[in-house]
C-alpha atoms as a PDB file:
ATOM      1  CA  UNK A   1     130.430 116.625 109.235  1.00  0.00           C
ATOM      2  CA  UNK A   2     131.146 120.385 109.209  1.00  0.00           C
ATOM      3  CA  UNK A   3     132.147 122.921 111.752  1.00  0.00           C
ATOM      4  CA  UNK A   4     129.031 123.878 113.693  1.00  0.00           C
ATOM      5  CA  UNK A   5     125.513 122.539 114.134  1.00  0.00           C
ATOM      6  CA  UNK A   6     122.850 123.578 116.533  1.00  0.00           C
ATOM      7  CA  UNK A   7     119.028 123.171 116.623  1.00  0.00           C
ATOM      8  CA  UNK A   8     116.698 125.984 115.815  1.00  0.00           C
ATOM      9  CA  UNK A   9     114.627 127.298 118.848  1.00  0.00           C
ATOM     10  CA  UNK A  10     111.404 126.284 117.121  1.00  0.00           C
ATOM     11  CA  UNK A  11     112.322 122.655 116.766  1.00  0.00           C
ATOM     12  CA  UNK A  12     111.450 121.553 120.265  1.00  0.00           C
ATOM     13  CA  UNK A  13     107.965 122.999 119.821  1.00  0.00           C
ATOM     14  CA  UNK A  14     107.180 120.578 116.920  1.00  0.00           C
ATOM     15  CA  UNK A  15     105.343 118.239 119.204  1.00  0.00           C
ATOM     16  CA  UNK A  16     101.668 117.358 119.891  1.00  0.00           C
ATOM     17  CA  UNK A  17      99.593 119.505 122.313  1.00  0.00           C
ATOM     18  CA  UNK A  18      99.383 118.096 125.807  1.00  0.00           C
ATOM     19  CA  UNK A  19      95.631 117.814 125.617  1.00  0.00           C
ATOM     20  CA  UNK A  20      93.639 116.622 122.489  1.00  0.00           C
ATOM     21  CA  UNK A  21      90.138 117.959 121.703  1.00  0.00           C
ATOM     22  CA  UNK A  22      89.377 114.941 119.401  1.00  0.00           C
ATOM     23  CA  UNK A  23      89.248 111.319 120.564  1.00  0.00           C
ATOM     24  CA  UNK A  24      90.426 108.418 118.363  1.00  0.00           C
ATOM     25  CA  UNK A  25      87.754 105.681 118.348  1.00  0.00           C
ATOM     26  CA  UNK A  26      89.617 103.249 115.988  1.00  0.00           C
ATOM     27  CA  UNK A  27      92.490 103.095 113.574  1.00  0.00           C
ATOM     28  CA  UNK A  28      93.359 100.900 110.571  1.00  0.00           C
ATOM     29  CA  UNK A  29      96.637 100.882 108.732  1.00  0.00           C
ATOM     30  CA  UNK A  30      96.341 101.573 104.953  1.00  0.00           C
ATOM     31  CA  UNK A  31     100.075 101.664 104.191  1.00  0.00           C
ATOM     32  CA  UNK A  32     103.110 100.628 106.309  1.00  0.00           C
ATOM     33  CA  UNK A  33     106.198 102.771 107.140  1.00  0.00           C
ATOM     34  CA  UNK A  34     108.074 104.572 105.918  1.00  0.00           C
ATOM     35  CA  UNK A  35     105.090 106.274 104.219  1.00  0.00           C
ATOM     36  CA  UNK A  36     102.541 105.297 106.933  1.00  0.00           C
ATOM     37  CA  UNK A  37      98.901 106.016 105.971  1.00  0.00           C
ATOM     38  CA  UNK A  38      96.108 105.408 108.446  1.00  0.00           C
ATOM     39  CA  UNK A  39      92.324 105.685 108.561  1.00  0.00           C
ATOM     40  CA  UNK A  40      91.037 106.858 111.935  1.00  0.00           C
ATOM     41  CA  UNK A  41      87.472 106.998 113.202  1.00  0.00           C
ATOM     42  CA  UNK A  42      87.326 110.024 115.512  1.00  0.00           C
ATOM     43  CA  UNK A  43      84.935 111.942 117.642  1.00  0.00           C
ATOM     44  CA  UNK A  44      85.363 115.676 117.162  1.00  0.00           C
ATOM     45  CA  UNK A  45      85.048 118.235 119.909  1.00  0.00           C
ATOM     46  CA  UNK A  46      81.368 118.785 119.073  1.00  0.00           C
ATOM     47  CA  UNK A  47      80.494 115.107 119.328  1.00  0.00           C
ATOM     48  CA  UNK A  48      80.341 114.334 115.643  1.00  0.00           C
ATOM     49  CA  UNK A  49      82.008 111.227 114.409  1.00  0.00           C
ATOM     50  CA  UNK A  50      84.132 111.382 111.262  1.00  0.00           C
ATOM     51  CA  UNK A  51      86.684 109.498 109.278  1.00  0.00           C
ATOM     52  CA  UNK A  52      90.235 110.884 108.820  1.00  0.00           C
ATOM     53  CA  UNK A  53      92.817 109.465 106.359  1.00  0.00           C
ATOM     54  CA  UNK A  54      96.261 110.871 106.823  1.00  0.00           C
ATOM     55  CA  UNK A  55     100.007 110.238 107.260  1.00  0.00           C
ATOM     56  CA  UNK A  56     100.748 109.787 110.948  1.00  0.00           C
ATOM     57  CA  UNK A  57     102.876 112.111 113.017  1.00  0.00           C
ATOM     58  CA  UNK A  58     106.481 110.912 113.362  1.00  0.00           C
ATOM     59  CA  UNK A  59     108.032 110.814 109.905  1.00  0.00           C
ATOM     60  CA  UNK A  60     110.534 113.533 109.710  1.00  0.00           C
ATOM     61  CA  UNK A  61     112.694 115.027 106.868  1.00  0.00           C
ATOM     62  CA  UNK A  62     115.458 117.551 106.420  1.00  0.00           C
ATOM     63  CA  UNK A  63     115.552 120.349 103.743  1.00  0.00           C
ATOM     64  CA  UNK A  64     119.055 121.689 103.104  1.00  0.00           C
ATOM     65  CA  UNK A  65     119.950 124.837 101.125  1.00  0.00           C
ATOM     66  CA  UNK A  66     123.659 124.321 100.275  1.00  0.00           C
ATOM     67  CA  UNK A  67     125.690 127.501  99.545  1.00  0.00           C
ATOM     68  CA  UNK A  68     129.094 127.218  97.912  1.00  0.00           C
ATOM     69  CA  UNK A  69     132.136 129.341  98.942  1.00  0.00           C
ATOM     70  CA  UNK A  70     131.476 131.400  95.825  1.00  0.00           C
ATOM     71  CA  UNK A  71     128.027 132.378  97.056  1.00  0.00           C
ATOM     72  CA  UNK A  72     125.982 130.188  94.767  1.00  0.00           C
ATOM     73  CA  UNK A  73     123.022 128.042  95.794  1.00  0.00           C
ATOM     74  CA  UNK A  74     123.138 124.405  94.846  1.00  0.00           C
ATOM     75  CA  UNK A  75     119.733 123.337  93.554  1.00  0.00           C
ATOM     76  CA  UNK A  76     118.373 120.238  92.012  1.00  0.00           C
ATOM     77  CA  UNK A  77     115.820 119.357  89.317  1.00  0.00           C
ATOM     78  CA  UNK A  78     114.091 116.192  90.385  1.00  0.00           C
ATOM     79  CA  UNK A  79     111.446 114.173  88.552  1.00  0.00           C
ATOM     80  CA  UNK A  80     108.289 113.762  90.706  1.00  0.00           C
ATOM     81  CA  UNK A  81     106.102 110.942  89.557  1.00  0.00           C
ATOM     82  CA  UNK A  82     102.802 112.027  91.134  1.00  0.00           C
ATOM     83  CA  UNK A  83     102.995 115.265  89.216  1.00  0.00           C
ATOM     84  CA  UNK A  84     104.595 113.844  86.051  1.00  0.00           C
ATOM     85  CA  UNK A  85     107.178 116.652  85.869  1.00  0.00           C
ATOM     86  CA  UNK A  86     110.498 117.836  87.025  1.00  0.00           C
ATOM     87  CA  UNK A  87     110.654 120.421  89.819  1.00  0.00           C
ATOM     88  CA  UNK A  88     113.459 122.774  90.939  1.00  0.00           C
ATOM     89  CA  UNK A  89     114.079 122.010  94.590  1.00  0.00           C
ATOM     90  CA  UNK A  90     116.612 122.133  97.305  1.00  0.00           C
ATOM     91  CA  UNK A  91     118.257 119.102  98.801  1.00  0.00           C
ATOM     92  CA  UNK A  92     115.884 117.078 100.926  1.00  0.00           C
ATOM     93  CA  UNK A  93     115.168 113.627 102.354  1.00  0.00           C
ATOM     94  CA  UNK A  94     113.771 111.614 105.223  1.00  0.00           C
ATOM     95  CA  UNK A  95     115.432 110.712 108.514  1.00  0.00           C
ATOM     96  CA  UNK A  96     116.256 107.025 108.705  1.00  0.00           C
ATOM     97  CA  UNK A  97     115.481 105.023 111.865  1.00  0.00           C
ATOM     98  CA  UNK A  98     117.666 106.248 114.743  1.00  0.00           C
ATOM     99  CA  UNK A  99     119.170 108.972 112.700  1.00  0.00           C
ATOM    100  CA  UNK A 100     119.742 112.528 114.090  1.00  0.00           C
ATOM    101  CA  UNK A 101     118.755 115.642 112.164  1.00  0.00           C
ATOM    102  CA  UNK A 102     122.499 116.492 111.708  1.00  0.00           C
ATOM    103  CA  UNK A 103     123.394 113.003 110.416  1.00  0.00           C
ATOM    104  CA  UNK A 104     120.400 113.025 107.975  1.00  0.00           C
ATOM    105  CA  UNK A 105     121.350 116.567 106.733  1.00  0.00           C
ATOM    106  CA  UNK A 106     124.947 115.547 106.115  1.00  0.00           C
ATOM    107  CA  UNK A 107     123.871 112.271 104.428  1.00  0.00           C
ATOM    108  CA  UNK A 108     121.358 113.866 102.125  1.00  0.00           C
ATOM    109  CA  UNK A 109     123.763 116.692 101.217  1.00  0.00           C
ATOM    110  CA  UNK A 110     126.368 114.045 100.187  1.00  0.00           C
ATOM    111  CA  UNK A 111     123.930 111.785  98.428  1.00  0.00           C
ATOM    112  CA  UNK A 112     121.989 114.273  96.358  1.00  0.00           C
ATOM    113  CA  UNK A 113     124.764 116.724  95.418  1.00  0.00           C
ATOM    114  CA  UNK A 114     127.959 115.275  96.594  1.00  0.00           C
ATOM    115  CA  UNK A 115     128.296 118.087  99.106  1.00  0.00           C
ATOM    116  CA  UNK A 116     130.172 118.452 102.415  1.00  0.00           C
ATOM    117  CA  UNK A 117     129.358 121.622 104.456  1.00  0.00           C
ATOM    118  CA  UNK A 118     131.820 123.733 106.386  1.00  0.00           C
ATOM    119  CA  UNK A 119     129.164 125.337 108.627  1.00  0.00           C
ATOM    120  CA  UNK A 120     125.446 124.765 109.307  1.00  0.00           C
ATOM    121  CA  UNK A 121     122.638 127.239 110.237  1.00  0.00           C
ATOM    122  CA  UNK A 122     119.406 125.881 111.498  1.00  0.00           C
ATOM    123  CA  UNK A 123     116.127 127.528 110.160  1.00  0.00           C
ATOM    124  CA  UNK A 124     112.558 127.214 111.564  1.00  0.00           C
ATOM    125  CA  UNK A 125     110.981 123.760 111.224  1.00  0.00           C
ATOM    126  CA  UNK A 126     107.484 123.361 109.889  1.00  0.00           C
ATOM    127  CA  UNK A 127     104.600 121.030 109.012  1.00  0.00           C
ATOM    128  CA  UNK A 128     104.324 120.909 105.219  1.00  0.00           C
ATOM    129  CA  UNK A 129     100.727 119.675 104.871  1.00  0.00           C
ATOM    130  CA  UNK A 130      99.013 119.538 108.282  1.00  0.00           C
ATOM    131  CA  UNK A 131      95.551 118.724 106.996  1.00  0.00           C
ATOM    132  CA  UNK A 132      96.619 115.296 105.693  1.00  0.00           C
ATOM    133  CA  UNK A 133     100.080 114.691 107.089  1.00  0.00           C
ATOM    134  CA  UNK A 134     101.905 114.573 110.452  1.00  0.00           C
ATOM    135  CA  UNK A 135     105.255 114.900 108.687  1.00  0.00           C
ATOM    136  CA  UNK A 136     107.767 117.341 110.367  1.00  0.00           C
ATOM    137  CA  UNK A 137     110.351 119.227 108.229  1.00  0.00           C
ATOM    138  CA  UNK A 138     113.652 120.555 109.633  1.00  0.00           C
ATOM    139  CA  UNK A 139     115.277 123.266 107.511  1.00  0.00           C
ATOM    140  CA  UNK A 140     118.964 124.209 107.340  1.00  0.00           C
ATOM    141  CA  UNK A 141     121.557 126.174 105.401  1.00  0.00           C
ATOM    142  CA  UNK A 142     124.797 124.337 104.553  1.00  0.00           C
ATOM    143  CA  UNK A 143     127.457 127.111 104.193  1.00  0.00           C
ATOM    144  CA  UNK A 144     130.764 126.648 102.414  1.00  0.00           C
ATOM    145  CA  UNK A 145     129.579 123.537 100.668  1.00  0.00           C
ATOM    146  CA  UNK A 146     132.219 121.821  98.679  1.00  0.00           C
ATOM    147  CA  UNK A 147     130.936 119.588  95.914  1.00  0.00           C
ATOM    148  CA  UNK A 148     132.053 116.157  94.879  1.00  0.00           C
ATOM    149  CA  UNK A 149     130.417 113.085  93.355  1.00  0.00           C
ATOM    150  CA  UNK A 150     126.696 112.685  94.116  1.00  0.00           C
ATOM    151  CA  UNK A 151     125.386 109.276  95.074  1.00  0.00           C
ATOM    152  CA  UNK A 152     121.631 109.276  94.063  1.00  0.00           C
ATOM    153  CA  UNK A 153     119.434 106.266  94.660  1.00  0.00           C
ATOM    154  CA  UNK A 154     118.741 104.187  91.597  1.00  0.00           C
ATOM    155  CA  UNK A 155     115.182 105.389  91.467  1.00  0.00           C
ATOM    156  CA  UNK A 156     115.968 109.026  91.780  1.00  0.00           C
ATOM    157  CA  UNK A 157     116.225 111.272  88.713  1.00  0.00           C
ATOM    158  CA  UNK A 158     118.148 114.270  89.981  1.00  0.00           C
ATOM    159  CA  UNK A 159     120.160 116.952  88.100  1.00  0.00           C
ATOM    160  CA  UNK A 160     122.451 119.223  90.217  1.00  0.00           C
ATOM    161  CA  UNK A 161     123.124 122.840  89.154  1.00  0.00           C
ATOM    162  CA  UNK A 162     124.357 126.148  90.787  1.00  0.00           C
ATOM    163  CA  UNK A 163     122.631 129.485  90.612  1.00  0.00           C
ATOM    164  CA  UNK A 164     123.888 132.892  92.071  1.00  0.00           C
ATOM    165  CA  UNK A 165     121.854 133.765  95.147  1.00  0.00           C
ATOM    166  CA  UNK A 166     120.384 136.989  93.714  1.00  0.00           C
ATOM    167  CA  UNK A 167     118.999 134.973  90.806  1.00  0.00           C
ATOM    168  CA  UNK A 168     117.509 132.411  93.205  1.00  0.00           C
ATOM    169  CA  UNK A 169     115.645 135.131  95.003  1.00  0.00           C
ATOM    170  CA  UNK A 170     114.473 136.779  91.774  1.00  0.00           C
ATOM    171  CA  UNK A 171     112.998 133.380  90.816  1.00  0.00           C
ATOM    172  CA  UNK A 172     111.467 132.930  94.241  1.00  0.00           C
ATOM    173  CA  UNK A 173     109.780 136.404  94.037  1.00  0.00           C
ATOM    174  CA  UNK A 174     108.571 135.554  90.463  1.00  0.00           C
ATOM    175  CA  UNK A 175     106.880 132.438  91.775  1.00  0.00           C
ATOM    176  CA  UNK A 176     109.133 130.001  89.879  1.00  0.00           C
ATOM    177  CA  UNK A 177     109.657 127.643  92.820  1.00  0.00           C
ATOM    178  CA  UNK A 178     106.659 125.249  92.635  1.00  0.00           C
ATOM    179  CA  UNK A 179     107.913 122.986  95.368  1.00  0.00           C
ATOM    180  CA  UNK A 180     106.372 124.568  98.471  1.00  0.00           C
ATOM    181  CA  UNK A 181     108.783 123.388 101.148  1.00  0.00           C
ATOM    182  CA  UNK A 182     111.719 124.494  99.106  1.00  0.00           C
ATOM    183  CA  UNK A 183     110.200 127.953  98.669  1.00  0.00           C
ATOM    184  CA  UNK A 184     109.474 128.241 102.365  1.00  0.00           C
ATOM    185  CA  UNK A 185     113.073 127.276 103.230  1.00  0.00           C
ATOM    186  CA  UNK A 186     114.379 129.950 100.869  1.00  0.00           C
ATOM    187  CA  UNK A 187     111.993 132.418 102.517  1.00  0.00           C
ATOM    188  CA  UNK A 188     113.331 131.500 106.012  1.00  0.00           C
ATOM    189  CA  UNK A 189     116.906 131.530 104.697  1.00  0.00           C
ATOM    190  CA  UNK A 190     116.829 135.088 103.336  1.00  0.00           C
ATOM    191  CA  UNK A 191     117.426 136.942 106.655  1.00  0.00           C
ATOM    192  CA  UNK A 192     120.523 134.818 107.442  1.00  0.00           C
ATOM    193  CA  UNK A 193     121.916 135.212 103.846  1.00  0.00           C
ATOM    194  CA  UNK A 194     121.464 139.038 104.074  1.00  0.00           C
ATOM    195  CA  UNK A 195     123.034 139.105 107.591  1.00  0.00           C
ATOM    196  CA  UNK A 196     126.186 137.453 106.176  1.00  0.00           C
ATOM    197  CA  UNK A 197     126.304 139.806 103.167  1.00  0.00           C
ATOM    198  CA  UNK A 198     125.443 137.106 100.618  1.00  0.00           C
ATOM    199  CA  UNK A 199     122.331 138.956  99.292  1.00  0.00           C
END
């Protein structure tokens, strides 16, 4: 599973506030897990009642930026049905029931690009779309990633490719990363990559 793995200091803060200014009056399930979608009737802080449709808090995912010993980023192009196009992304996937962040990161790295990391660095976690989703994302860098055979799910259309890190960041600055979470992980990773002399 690699040499070292520790949580980022922000991860424990990715929890609900102790007190809630809005009150849930009723809830109906529109879609079951793993992509839970609910419709809540809520009373807002000012007394108004409104309807809120969203993905519940709880689903979690990992986003992994693999770096090879040669200093290249391992990226993927993945077909995204809702958009009808392929996007350049970093490795990512949901945590399975009972799975730790470390186990999910190792599993997704192996499945999507056939990678095994020598060392891990945790980056800040974040909420990708807080207006309509309670999903929590955990970001990591997988250093010294050695590549083997990927094991994509039958319904995934993924192409693996390597890019030198300076070119990745040229593309990021040019706005070429249209997948928002991937772009944010690259932004968070930059300081650690510079600290290690990889950029």
